[in-house]
Each structure stands twice: as structure tokens, then as C-alpha cells.
Amino acid sequence: KVIACIKQDWLFGYGIGGLQWKIGNYAHNFFLEIISTFGAFFSVVIVLFLLYLLSKVNHTKNEEMKYFGLFMFVLWFFPLQFSLTFWKVPALWIFIAIALLNNSSLKEA
């Protein structure tokens, strides 16, 4: 059902909650969910942004924050491939927050 819906409106998506309203459930896959919600163009932007954040966390000099950030990435990325909706997964938002912290606060003393 999800892929059929995406094919109908792949460019712009259905918006937040649109797919759930149309089929009565969410996509159960992170990539399918962002494409159905935001459309193809904005989904590419989101994936590139998340890859940038992952790179930023991976290059953090503070070892504890680096490993905590990578742990948060694993905690949200793999489960979202099979279930859940990204809006309700705290590890995703914690990962984003860690990556967006000012680099000066992440440096080792």
C-alpha cells in the first residue's frame, strides 16, 4: 500500500500525517516514511543532512560525545528500518541535538 501511495504523489508527498490518514497506518520504514511525508526532493535533502550530522558526530574530538552520538544513531537507524515512526523515536532527536551542539562544547578539555 505504501509504495503504491508513494507512486501516486512521489514528488511532494502527503505531508505530515497524510499517509496515516490515507491508509490508516504509517510506513514502518524510515525512508518510505520520509518520502511519503515530504516527497522525493525534500527526502534527499533530509538524508543528506543526516549524513552530514553523522559525519560531524564521527569527527567530534570529544570521545565520549562521539561514541554517545554514534550509539544514538544506531539506536534510531536500525529499528526505524522495520517499525516505528520517526516522530516518536527519542534517539533520533537526541542524535540530531548532539550533532548540532556547538563544536567548542564538544572539544576535550
PDB file of N, CA and C in Angstrom:
ATOM      1  N   LYS A   1       0.815  -1.200   0.000  1.00  0.00           N
ATOM      2  CA  LYS A   1       0.000   0.000   0.000  1.00  0.00           C
ATOM      3  C   LYS A   1       0.854   1.258   0.000  1.00  0.00           C
ATOM      4  N   VAL A   2       1.915   1.261   0.809  1.00  0.00           N
ATOM      5  CA  VAL A   2       2.742   2.461   0.960  1.00  0.00           C
ATOM      6  C   VAL A   2       3.409   2.815  -0.361  1.00  0.00           C
ATOM      7  N   ILE A   3       4.004   1.837  -1.022  1.00  0.00           N
ATOM      8  CA  ILE A   3       4.699   2.108  -2.277  1.00  0.00           C
ATOM      9  C   ILE A   3       3.719   2.574  -3.343  1.00  0.00           C
ATOM     10  N   ALA A   4       2.528   2.002  -3.374  1.00  0.00           N
ATOM     11  CA  ALA A   4       1.508   2.447  -4.329  1.00  0.00           C
ATOM     12  C   ALA A   4       1.125   3.902  -4.063  1.00  0.00           C
ATOM     13  N   CYS A   5       1.010   4.276  -2.811  1.00  0.00           N
ATOM     14  CA  CYS A   5       0.687   5.665  -2.462  1.00  0.00           C
ATOM     15  C   CYS A   5       1.829   6.604  -2.832  1.00  0.00           C
ATOM     16  N   ILE A   6       3.050   6.158  -2.591  1.00  0.00           N
ATOM     17  CA  ILE A   6       4.210   6.985  -2.936  1.00  0.00           C
ATOM     18  C   ILE A   6       4.256   7.220  -4.445  1.00  0.00           C
ATOM     19  N   LYS A   7       3.950   6.202  -5.219  1.00  0.00           N
ATOM     20  CA  LYS A   7       3.947   6.346  -6.682  1.00  0.00           C
ATOM     21  C   LYS A   7       2.928   7.383  -7.142  1.00  0.00           C
ATOM     22  N   GLN A   8       1.837   7.534  -6.398  1.00  0.00           N
ATOM     23  CA  GLN A   8       0.806   8.497  -6.773  1.00  0.00           C
ATOM     24  C   GLN A   8       1.252   9.933  -6.531  1.00  0.00           C
ATOM     25  N   ASP A   9       2.019  10.160  -5.473  1.00  0.00           N
ATOM     26  CA  ASP A   9       2.439  11.530  -5.141  1.00  0.00           C
ATOM     27  C   ASP A   9       3.874  11.519  -4.638  1.00  0.00           C
ATOM     28  N   TRP A  10       4.794  11.067  -5.472  1.00  0.00           N
ATOM     29  CA  TRP A  10       6.186  10.901  -5.064  1.00  0.00           C
ATOM     30  C   TRP A  10       6.955  12.214  -4.994  1.00  0.00           C
ATOM     31  N   LEU A  11       6.546  13.206  -5.751  1.00  0.00           N
ATOM     32  CA  LEU A  11       7.320  14.440  -5.802  1.00  0.00           C
ATOM     33  C   LEU A  11       7.130  15.298  -4.559  1.00  0.00           C
ATOM     34  N   PHE A  12       5.910  15.451  -4.109  1.00  0.00           N
ATOM     35  CA  PHE A  12       5.634  16.336  -2.972  1.00  0.00           C
ATOM     36  C   PHE A  12       5.212  15.593  -1.712  1.00  0.00           C
ATOM     37  N   GLY A  13       4.861  14.338  -1.795  1.00  0.00           N
ATOM     38  CA  GLY A  13       4.434  13.579  -0.630  1.00  0.00           C
ATOM     39  C   GLY A  13       3.050  13.988  -0.166  1.00  0.00           C
ATOM     40  N   TYR A  14       2.652  13.430   0.960  1.00  0.00           N
ATOM     41  CA  TYR A  14       1.315  13.672   1.504  1.00  0.00           C
ATOM     42  C   TYR A  14       1.306  14.623   2.684  1.00  0.00           C
ATOM     43  N   GLY A  15       2.458  15.025   3.137  1.00  0.00           N
ATOM     44  CA  GLY A  15       2.529  15.899   4.294  1.00  0.00           C
ATOM     45  C   GLY A  15       2.504  15.100   5.587  1.00  0.00           C
ATOM     46  N   ILE A  16       2.686  15.795   6.681  1.00  0.00           N
ATOM     47  CA  ILE A  16       2.741  15.152   7.993  1.00  0.00           C
ATOM     48  C   ILE A  16       1.380  14.550   8.313  1.00  0.00           C
ATOM     49  N   GLY A  17       1.357  13.249   8.541  1.00  0.00           N
ATOM     50  CA  GLY A  17       0.130  12.542   8.869  1.00  0.00           C
ATOM     51  C   GLY A  17      -0.736  12.175   7.679  1.00  0.00           C
ATOM     52  N   GLY A  18      -0.351  12.591   6.484  1.00  0.00           N
ATOM     53  CA  GLY A  18      -1.165  12.339   5.296  1.00  0.00           C
ATOM     54  C   GLY A  18      -1.261  10.870   4.932  1.00  0.00           C
ATOM     55  N   LEU A  19      -0.155  10.167   4.975  1.00  0.00           N
ATOM     56  CA  LEU A  19      -0.173   8.744   4.644  1.00  0.00           C
ATOM     57  C   LEU A  19      -0.964   7.958   5.691  1.00  0.00           C
ATOM     58  N   GLN A  20      -0.782   8.308   6.960  1.00  0.00           N
ATOM     59  CA  GLN A  20      -1.533   7.633   8.021  1.00  0.00           C
ATOM     60  C   GLN A  20      -3.028   7.829   7.828  1.00  0.00           C
ATOM     61  N   TRP A  21      -3.426   9.020   7.420  1.00  0.00           N
ATOM     62  CA  TRP A  21      -4.840   9.290   7.182  1.00  0.00           C
ATOM     63  C   TRP A  21      -5.345   8.492   5.983  1.00  0.00           C
ATOM     64  N   LYS A  22      -4.508   8.404   4.940  1.00  0.00           N
ATOM     65  CA  LYS A  22      -4.936   7.738   3.704  1.00  0.00           C
ATOM     66  C   LYS A  22      -5.038   6.223   3.857  1.00  0.00           C
ATOM     67  N   ILE A  23      -4.041   5.585   4.512  1.00  0.00           N
ATOM     68  CA  ILE A  23      -4.055   4.116   4.603  1.00  0.00           C
ATOM     69  C   ILE A  23      -4.327   3.595   6.007  1.00  0.00           C
ATOM     70  N   GLY A  24      -4.360   4.493   6.980  1.00  0.00           N
ATOM     71  CA  GLY A  24      -4.685   4.084   8.337  1.00  0.00           C
ATOM     72  C   GLY A  24      -3.494   3.603   9.155  1.00  0.00           C
ATOM     73  N   ASN A  25      -2.280   3.754   8.638  1.00  0.00           N
ATOM     74  CA  ASN A  25      -1.083   3.324   9.356  1.00  0.00           C
ATOM     75  C   ASN A  25       0.112   4.081   8.804  1.00  0.00           C
ATOM     76  N   TYR A  26       1.248   3.955   9.454  1.00  0.00           N
ATOM     77  CA  TYR A  26       2.460   4.591   8.944  1.00  0.00           C
ATOM     78  C   TYR A  26       3.278   3.561   8.162  1.00  0.00           C
ATOM     79  N   ALA A  27       4.371   4.005   7.561  1.00  0.00           N
ATOM     80  CA  ALA A  27       5.098   3.193   6.581  1.00  0.00           C
ATOM     81  C   ALA A  27       5.935   2.068   7.186  1.00  0.00           C
ATOM     82  N   HIS A  28       6.298   2.140   8.450  1.00  0.00           N
ATOM     83  CA  HIS A  28       7.141   1.132   9.102  1.00  0.00           C
ATOM     84  C   HIS A  28       8.543   1.048   8.504  1.00  0.00           C
ATOM     85  N   ASN A  29       8.976   2.084   7.810  1.00  0.00           N
ATOM     86  CA  ASN A  29      10.327   2.161   7.273  1.00  0.00           C
ATOM     87  C   ASN A  29      10.682   3.633   7.170  1.00  0.00           C
ATOM     88  N   PHE A  30      11.844   3.996   7.690  1.00  0.00           N
ATOM     89  CA  PHE A  30      12.254   5.398   7.746  1.00  0.00           C
ATOM     90  C   PHE A  30      12.236   6.060   6.367  1.00  0.00           C
ATOM     91  N   PHE A  31      12.858   5.427   5.390  1.00  0.00           N
ATOM     92  CA  PHE A  31      12.974   6.040   4.073  1.00  0.00           C
ATOM     93  C   PHE A  31      11.620   6.148   3.374  1.00  0.00           C
ATOM     94  N   LEU A  32      10.805   5.117   3.479  1.00  0.00           N
ATOM     95  CA  LEU A  32       9.464   5.186   2.892  1.00  0.00           C
ATOM     96  C   LEU A  32       8.621   6.251   3.587  1.00  0.00           C
ATOM     97  N   GLU A  33       8.820   6.384   4.884  1.00  0.00           N
ATOM     98  CA  GLU A  33       8.040   7.383   5.625  1.00  0.00           C
ATOM     99  C   GLU A  33       8.426   8.807   5.246  1.00  0.00           C
ATOM    100  N   ILE A  34       9.719   9.072   5.114  1.00  0.00           N
ATOM    101  CA  ILE A  34      10.081  10.452   4.756  1.00  0.00           C
ATOM    102  C   ILE A  34       9.694  10.770   3.312  1.00  0.00           C
ATOM    103  N   ILE A  35       9.787   9.787   2.415  1.00  0.00           N
ATOM    104  CA  ILE A  35       9.369  10.037   1.035  1.00  0.00           C
ATOM    105  C   ILE A  35       7.862  10.271   0.974  1.00  0.00           C
ATOM    106  N   SER A  36       7.089   9.463   1.689  1.00  0.00           N
ATOM    107  CA  SER A  36       5.634   9.645   1.663  1.00  0.00           C
ATOM    108  C   SER A  36       5.215  10.935   2.365  1.00  0.00           C
ATOM    109  N   THR A  37       5.975  11.375   3.339  1.00  0.00           N
ATOM    110  CA  THR A  37       5.632  12.594   4.063  1.00  0.00           C
ATOM    111  C   THR A  37       6.094  13.841   3.337  1.00  0.00           C
ATOM    112  N   PHE A  38       7.358  13.860   2.906  1.00  0.00           N
ATOM    113  CA  PHE A  38       7.959  15.088   2.388  1.00  0.00           C
ATOM    114  C   PHE A  38       8.178  15.104   0.875  1.00  0.00           C
ATOM    115  N   GLY A  39       8.020  13.972   0.212  1.00  0.00           N
ATOM    116  CA  GLY A  39       8.274  13.919  -1.218  1.00  0.00           C
ATOM    117  C   GLY A  39       9.734  13.619  -1.511  1.00  0.00           C
ATOM    118  N   ALA A  40      10.017  13.354  -2.762  1.00  0.00           N
ATOM    119  CA  ALA A  40      11.346  12.899  -3.169  1.00  0.00           C
ATOM    120  C   ALA A  40      12.423  13.957  -2.961  1.00  0.00           C
ATOM    121  N   PHE A  41      12.173  15.183  -3.384  1.00  0.00           N
ATOM    122  CA  PHE A  41      13.208  16.221  -3.299  1.00  0.00           C
ATOM    123  C   PHE A  41      13.613  16.498  -1.859  1.00  0.00           C
ATOM    124  N   PHE A  42      12.632  16.767  -1.001  1.00  0.00           N
ATOM    125  CA  PHE A  42      12.960  17.110   0.382  1.00  0.00           C
ATOM    126  C   PHE A  42      13.516  15.905   1.135  1.00  0.00           C
ATOM    127  N   SER A  43      13.122  14.704   0.745  1.00  0.00           N
ATOM    128  CA  SER A  43      13.678  13.497   1.364  1.00  0.00           C
ATOM    129  C   SER A  43      15.172  13.381   1.095  1.00  0.00           C
ATOM    130  N   VAL A  44      15.591  13.723  -0.112  1.00  0.00           N
ATOM    131  CA  VAL A  44      17.029  13.722  -0.432  1.00  0.00           C
ATOM    132  C   VAL A  44      17.749  14.736   0.443  1.00  0.00           C
ATOM    133  N   VAL A  45      17.149  15.897   0.622  1.00  0.00           N
ATOM    134  CA  VAL A  45      17.741  16.927   1.485  1.00  0.00           C
ATOM    135  C   VAL A  45      17.875  16.406   2.914  1.00  0.00           C
ATOM    136  N   ILE A  46      16.849  15.739   3.422  1.00  0.00           N
ATOM    137  CA  ILE A  46      16.880  15.200   4.790  1.00  0.00           C
ATOM    138  C   ILE A  46      17.953  14.136   4.927  1.00  0.00           C
ATOM    139  N   VAL A  47      18.059  13.224   3.977  1.00  0.00           N
ATOM    140  CA  VAL A  47      19.070  12.165   4.041  1.00  0.00           C
ATOM    141  C   VAL A  47      20.473  12.765   3.987  1.00  0.00           C
ATOM    142  N   LEU A  48      20.684  13.736   3.110  1.00  0.00           N
ATOM    143  CA  LEU A  48      21.998  14.393   3.048  1.00  0.00           C
ATOM    144  C   LEU A  48      22.328  15.116   4.350  1.00  0.00           C
ATOM    145  N   PHE A  49      21.321  15.751   4.945  1.00  0.00           N
ATOM    146  CA  PHE A  49      21.521  16.429   6.225  1.00  0.00           C
ATOM    147  C   PHE A  49      21.886  15.421   7.322  1.00  0.00           C
ATOM    148  N   LEU A  50      21.206  14.292   7.363  1.00  0.00           N
ATOM    149  CA  LEU A  50      21.519  13.268   8.363  1.00  0.00           C
ATOM    150  C   LEU A  50      22.912  12.676   8.147  1.00  0.00           C
ATOM    151  N   LEU A  51      23.315  12.514   6.891  1.00  0.00           N
ATOM    152  CA  LEU A  51      24.682  12.045   6.610  1.00  0.00           C
ATOM    153  C   LEU A  51      25.711  13.077   7.055  1.00  0.00           C
ATOM    154  N   TYR A  52      25.408  14.347   6.853  1.00  0.00           N
ATOM    155  CA  TYR A  52      26.286  15.415   7.342  1.00  0.00           C
ATOM    156  C   TYR A  52      26.408  15.371   8.861  1.00  0.00           C
ATOM    157  N   LEU A  53      25.264  15.196   9.542  1.00  0.00           N
ATOM    158  CA  LEU A  53      25.291  15.118  11.005  1.00  0.00           C
ATOM    159  C   LEU A  53      26.076  13.900  11.482  1.00  0.00           C
ATOM    160  N   LEU A  54      25.925  12.773  10.801  1.00  0.00           N
ATOM    161  CA  LEU A  54      26.682  11.571  11.154  1.00  0.00           C
ATOM    162  C   LEU A  54      28.178  11.813  10.993  1.00  0.00           C
ATOM    163  N   SER A  55      28.563  12.454   9.921  1.00  0.00           N
ATOM    164  CA  SER A  55      29.976  12.785   9.707  1.00  0.00           C
ATOM    165  C   SER A  55      30.480  13.729  10.791  1.00  0.00           C
ATOM    166  N   LYS A  56      29.651  14.695  11.146  1.00  0.00           N
ATOM    167  CA  LYS A  56      30.031  15.662  12.184  1.00  0.00           C
ATOM    168  C   LYS A  56      30.236  14.963  13.534  1.00  0.00           C
ATOM    169  N   VAL A  57      29.338  14.052  13.884  1.00  0.00           N
ATOM    170  CA  VAL A  57      29.483  13.292  15.130  1.00  0.00           C
ATOM    171  C   VAL A  57      30.724  12.416  15.072  1.00  0.00           C
ATOM    172  N   ASN A  58      30.945  11.782  13.951  1.00  0.00           N
ATOM    173  CA  ASN A  58      32.085  10.879  13.803  1.00  0.00           C
ATOM    174  C   ASN A  58      33.422  11.611  13.907  1.00  0.00           C
ATOM    175  N   HIS A  59      33.459  12.887  13.562  1.00  0.00           N
ATOM    176  CA  HIS A  59      34.702  13.656  13.626  1.00  0.00           C
ATOM    177  C   HIS A  59      34.826  14.498  14.896  1.00  0.00           C
ATOM    178  N   THR A  60      33.934  14.297  15.842  1.00  0.00           N
ATOM    179  CA  THR A  60      33.999  15.020  17.115  1.00  0.00           C
ATOM    180  C   THR A  60      35.230  14.581  17.894  1.00  0.00           C
ATOM    181  N   LYS A  61      35.944  15.551  18.442  1.00  0.00           N
ATOM    182  CA  LYS A  61      37.168  15.240  19.188  1.00  0.00           C
ATOM    183  C   LYS A  61      36.875  14.650  20.578  1.00  0.00           C
ATOM    184  N   ASN A  62      35.753  15.011  21.138  1.00  0.00           N
ATOM    185  CA  ASN A  62      35.370  14.501  22.452  1.00  0.00           C
ATOM    186  C   ASN A  62      34.915  13.046  22.286  1.00  0.00           C
ATOM    187  N   GLU A  63      35.728  12.114  22.778  1.00  0.00           N
ATOM    188  CA  GLU A  63      35.465  10.688  22.569  1.00  0.00           C
ATOM    189  C   GLU A  63      34.122  10.245  23.156  1.00  0.00           C
ATOM    190  N   GLU A  64      33.782  10.731  24.357  1.00  0.00           N
ATOM    191  CA  GLU A  64      32.524  10.318  24.987  1.00  0.00           C
ATOM    192  C   GLU A  64      31.315  10.756  24.155  1.00  0.00           C
ATOM    193  N   MET A  65      31.341  12.021  23.703  1.00  0.00           N
ATOM    194  CA  MET A  65      30.226  12.524  22.897  1.00  0.00           C
ATOM    195  C   MET A  65      30.177  11.825  21.538  1.00  0.00           C
ATOM    196  N   LYS A  66      31.349  11.525  20.994  1.00  0.00           N
ATOM    197  CA  LYS A  66      31.399  10.820  19.707  1.00  0.00           C
ATOM    198  C   LYS A  66      30.723   9.457  19.819  1.00  0.00           C
ATOM    199  N   TYR A  67      31.119   8.679  20.819  1.00  0.00           N
ATOM    200  CA  TYR A  67      30.552   7.341  20.959  1.00  0.00           C
ATOM    201  C   TYR A  67      29.091   7.381  21.392  1.00  0.00           C
ATOM    202  N   PHE A  68      28.735   8.363  22.200  1.00  0.00           N
ATOM    203  CA  PHE A  68      27.329   8.516  22.577  1.00  0.00           C
ATOM    204  C   PHE A  68      26.490   8.875  21.355  1.00  0.00           C
ATOM    205  N   GLY A  69      26.993   9.776  20.527  1.00  0.00           N
ATOM    206  CA  GLY A  69      26.289  10.154  19.311  1.00  0.00           C
ATOM    207  C   GLY A  69      26.135   8.990  18.342  1.00  0.00           C
ATOM    208  N   LEU A  70      27.203   8.217  18.178  1.00  0.00           N
ATOM    209  CA  LEU A  70      27.126   7.048  17.295  1.00  0.00           C
ATOM    210  C   LEU A  70      26.171   6.000  17.859  1.00  0.00           C
ATOM    211  N   PHE A  71      26.165   5.857  19.189  1.00  0.00           N
ATOM    212  CA  PHE A  71      25.231   4.934  19.832  1.00  0.00           C
ATOM    213  C   PHE A  71      23.785   5.381  19.604  1.00  0.00           C
ATOM    214  N   MET A  72      23.536   6.675  19.710  1.00  0.00           N
ATOM    215  CA  MET A  72      22.185   7.195  19.449  1.00  0.00           C
ATOM    216  C   MET A  72      21.801   6.961  17.990  1.00  0.00           C
ATOM    217  N   PHE A  73      22.760   7.095  17.078  1.00  0.00           N
ATOM    218  CA  PHE A  73      22.481   6.823  15.663  1.00  0.00           C
ATOM    219  C   PHE A  73      22.031   5.378  15.475  1.00  0.00           C
ATOM    220  N   VAL A  74      22.763   4.447  16.059  1.00  0.00           N
ATOM    221  CA  VAL A  74      22.413   3.028  15.936  1.00  0.00           C
ATOM    222  C   VAL A  74      21.052   2.758  16.566  1.00  0.00           C
ATOM    223  N   LEU A  75      20.775   3.411  17.700  1.00  0.00           N
ATOM    224  CA  LEU A  75      19.503   3.192  18.393  1.00  0.00           C
ATOM    225  C   LEU A  75      18.285   3.645  17.588  1.00  0.00           C
ATOM    226  N   TRP A  76      18.460   4.622  16.718  1.00  0.00           N
ATOM    227  CA  TRP A  76      17.295   5.026  15.917  1.00  0.00           C
ATOM    228  C   TRP A  76      17.332   4.461  14.514  1.00  0.00           C
ATOM    229  N   PHE A  77      18.506   4.353  13.901  1.00  0.00           N
ATOM    230  CA  PHE A  77      18.557   3.991  12.489  1.00  0.00           C
ATOM    231  C   PHE A  77      18.047   2.580  12.217  1.00  0.00           C
ATOM    232  N   PHE A  78      18.560   1.601  12.916  1.00  0.00           N
ATOM    233  CA  PHE A  78      18.184   0.220  12.624  1.00  0.00           C
ATOM    234  C   PHE A  78      16.735  -0.108  12.981  1.00  0.00           C
ATOM    235  N   PRO A  79      16.234   0.288  14.142  1.00  0.00           N
ATOM    236  CA  PRO A  79      14.817  -0.001  14.424  1.00  0.00           C
ATOM    237  C   PRO A  79      13.853   0.679  13.445  1.00  0.00           C
ATOM    238  N   LEU A  80      14.222   1.863  12.946  1.00  0.00           N
ATOM    239  CA  LEU A  80      13.325   2.564  12.026  1.00  0.00           C
ATOM    240  C   LEU A  80      13.283   1.949  10.635  1.00  0.00           C
ATOM    241  N   GLN A  81      14.099   0.972  10.361  1.00  0.00           N
ATOM    242  CA  GLN A  81      14.025   0.283   9.077  1.00  0.00           C
ATOM    243  C   GLN A  81      12.884  -0.743   9.056  1.00  0.00           C
ATOM    244  N   PHE A  82      12.407  -1.122  10.248  1.00  0.00           N
ATOM    245  CA  PHE A  82      11.418  -2.198  10.328  1.00  0.00           C
ATOM    246  C   PHE A  82      10.129  -1.816  11.036  1.00  0.00           C
ATOM    247  N   SER A  83      10.167  -0.793  11.849  1.00  0.00           N
ATOM    248  CA  SER A  83       8.986  -0.439  12.608  1.00  0.00           C
ATOM    249  C   SER A  83       9.125   0.985  13.127  1.00  0.00           C
ATOM    250  N   LEU A  84       8.144   1.418  13.847  1.00  0.00           N
ATOM    251  CA  LEU A  84       8.098   2.723  14.489  1.00  0.00           C
ATOM    252  C   LEU A  84       7.944   3.851  13.471  1.00  0.00           C
ATOM    253  N   THR A  85       7.616   5.017  13.963  1.00  0.00           N
ATOM    254  CA  THR A  85       7.560   6.227  13.167  1.00  0.00           C
ATOM    255  C   THR A  85       8.613   7.185  13.724  1.00  0.00           C
ATOM    256  N   PHE A  86       9.325   7.861  12.845  1.00  0.00           N
ATOM    257  CA  PHE A  86      10.470   8.659  13.310  1.00  0.00           C
ATOM    258  C   PHE A  86      10.075   9.798  14.234  1.00  0.00           C
ATOM    259  N   TRP A  87       8.834  10.216  14.195  1.00  0.00           N
ATOM    260  CA  TRP A  87       8.393  11.298  15.078  1.00  0.00           C
ATOM    261  C   TRP A  87       8.457  10.900  16.550  1.00  0.00           C
ATOM    262  N   LYS A  88       8.333   9.607  16.839  1.00  0.00           N
ATOM    263  CA  LYS A  88       8.231   9.148  18.223  1.00  0.00           C
ATOM    264  C   LYS A  88       9.475   8.425  18.731  1.00  0.00           C
ATOM    265  N   VAL A  89      10.610   8.577  18.062  1.00  0.00           N
ATOM    266  CA  VAL A  89      11.832   7.888  18.473  1.00  0.00           C
ATOM    267  C   VAL A  89      12.792   8.918  19.064  1.00  0.00           C
ATOM    268  N   PRO A  90      12.910   8.961  20.396  1.00  0.00           N
ATOM    269  CA  PRO A  90      13.762   9.965  21.036  1.00  0.00           C
ATOM    270  C   PRO A  90      15.232   9.897  20.609  1.00  0.00           C
ATOM    271  N   ALA A  91      15.744   8.709  20.303  1.00  0.00           N
ATOM    272  CA  ALA A  91      17.166   8.589  19.937  1.00  0.00           C
ATOM    273  C   ALA A  91      17.482   9.391  18.676  1.00  0.00           C
ATOM    274  N   LEU A  92      16.547   9.506  17.741  1.00  0.00           N
ATOM    275  CA  LEU A  92      16.771  10.313  16.538  1.00  0.00           C
ATOM    276  C   LEU A  92      16.964  11.777  16.914  1.00  0.00           C
ATOM    277  N   TRP A  93      16.110  12.286  17.765  1.00  0.00           N
ATOM    278  CA  TRP A  93      16.171  13.698  18.139  1.00  0.00           C
ATOM    279  C   TRP A  93      17.380  13.979  19.026  1.00  0.00           C
ATOM    280  N   ILE A  94      17.772  13.015  19.854  1.00  0.00           N
ATOM    281  CA  ILE A  94      18.991  13.165  20.661  1.00  0.00           C
ATOM    282  C   ILE A  94      20.212  13.181  19.741  1.00  0.00           C
ATOM    283  N   PHE A  95      20.244  12.289  18.745  1.00  0.00           N
ATOM    284  CA  PHE A  95      21.338  12.270  17.772  1.00  0.00           C
ATOM    285  C   PHE A  95      21.459  13.624  17.070  1.00  0.00           C
ATOM    286  N   ILE A  96      20.343  14.166  16.626  1.00  0.00           N
ATOM    287  CA  ILE A  96      20.355  15.459  15.940  1.00  0.00           C
ATOM    288  C   ILE A  96      20.862  16.550  16.876  1.00  0.00           C
ATOM    289  N   ALA A  97      20.403  16.541  18.126  1.00  0.00           N
ATOM    290  CA  ALA A  97      20.841  17.551  19.094  1.00  0.00           C
ATOM    291  C   ALA A  97      22.339  17.455  19.363  1.00  0.00           C
ATOM    292  N   ILE A  98      22.852  16.248  19.528  1.00  0.00           N
ATOM    293  CA  ILE A  98      24.288  16.064  19.774  1.00  0.00           C
ATOM    294  C   ILE A  98      25.083  16.610  18.597  1.00  0.00           C
ATOM    295  N   ALA A  99      24.648  16.294  17.386  1.00  0.00           N
ATOM    296  CA  ALA A  99      25.383  16.733  16.198  1.00  0.00           C
ATOM    297  C   ALA A  99      25.331  18.240  16.013  1.00  0.00           C
ATOM    298  N   LEU A 100      24.258  18.868  16.463  1.00  0.00           N
ATOM    299  CA  LEU A 100      24.119  20.305  16.274  1.00  0.00           C
ATOM    300  C   LEU A 100      24.726  21.133  17.398  1.00  0.00           C
ATOM    301  N   LEU A 101      25.207  20.482  18.445  1.00  0.00           N
ATOM    302  CA  LEU A 101      25.856  21.228  19.513  1.00  0.00           C
ATOM    303  C   LEU A 101      27.041  22.000  18.968  1.00  0.00           C
ATOM    304  N   ASN A 102      27.327  23.092  19.586  1.00  0.00           N
ATOM    305  CA  ASN A 102      28.489  23.883  19.203  1.00  0.00           C
ATOM    306  C   ASN A 102      29.747  23.040  19.365  1.00  0.00           C
ATOM    307  N   ASN A 103      30.598  23.024  18.358  1.00  0.00           N
ATOM    308  CA  ASN A 103      31.828  22.227  18.403  1.00  0.00           C
ATOM    309  C   ASN A 103      32.710  22.585  19.588  1.00  0.00           C
ATOM    310  N   SER A 104      32.672  23.818  20.041  1.00  0.00           N
ATOM    311  CA  SER A 104      33.518  24.217  21.159  1.00  0.00           C
ATOM    312  C   SER A 104      33.088  23.497  22.441  1.00  0.00           C
ATOM    313  N   SER A 105      31.825  23.146  22.550  1.00  0.00           N
ATOM    314  CA  SER A 105      31.367  22.435  23.748  1.00  0.00           C
ATOM    315  C   SER A 105      31.672  20.947  23.673  1.00  0.00           C
ATOM    316  N   LEU A 106      32.079  20.475  22.503  1.00  0.00           N
ATOM    317  CA  LEU A 106      32.373  19.049  22.335  1.00  0.00           C
ATOM    318  C   LEU A 106      33.862  18.752  22.401  1.00  0.00           C
ATOM    319  N   LYS A 107      34.695  19.770  22.457  1.00  0.00           N
ATOM    320  CA  LYS A 107      36.145  19.557  22.472  1.00  0.00           C
ATOM    321  C   LYS A 107      36.584  19.064  23.831  1.00  0.00           C
ATOM    322  N   GLU A 108      37.630  18.263  23.816  1.00  0.00           N
ATOM    323  CA  GLU A 108      38.178  17.755  25.080  1.00  0.00           C
ATOM    324  C   GLU A 108      38.863  18.898  25.815  1.00  0.00           C
ATOM    325  N   ALA A 109      38.821  18.822  27.126  1.00  0.00           N
ATOM    326  CA  ALA A 109      39.466  19.868  27.946  1.00  0.00           C
ATOM    327  C   ALA A 109      40.954  19.631  28.010  1.00  0.00           C
TER     328      ALA A 109
END
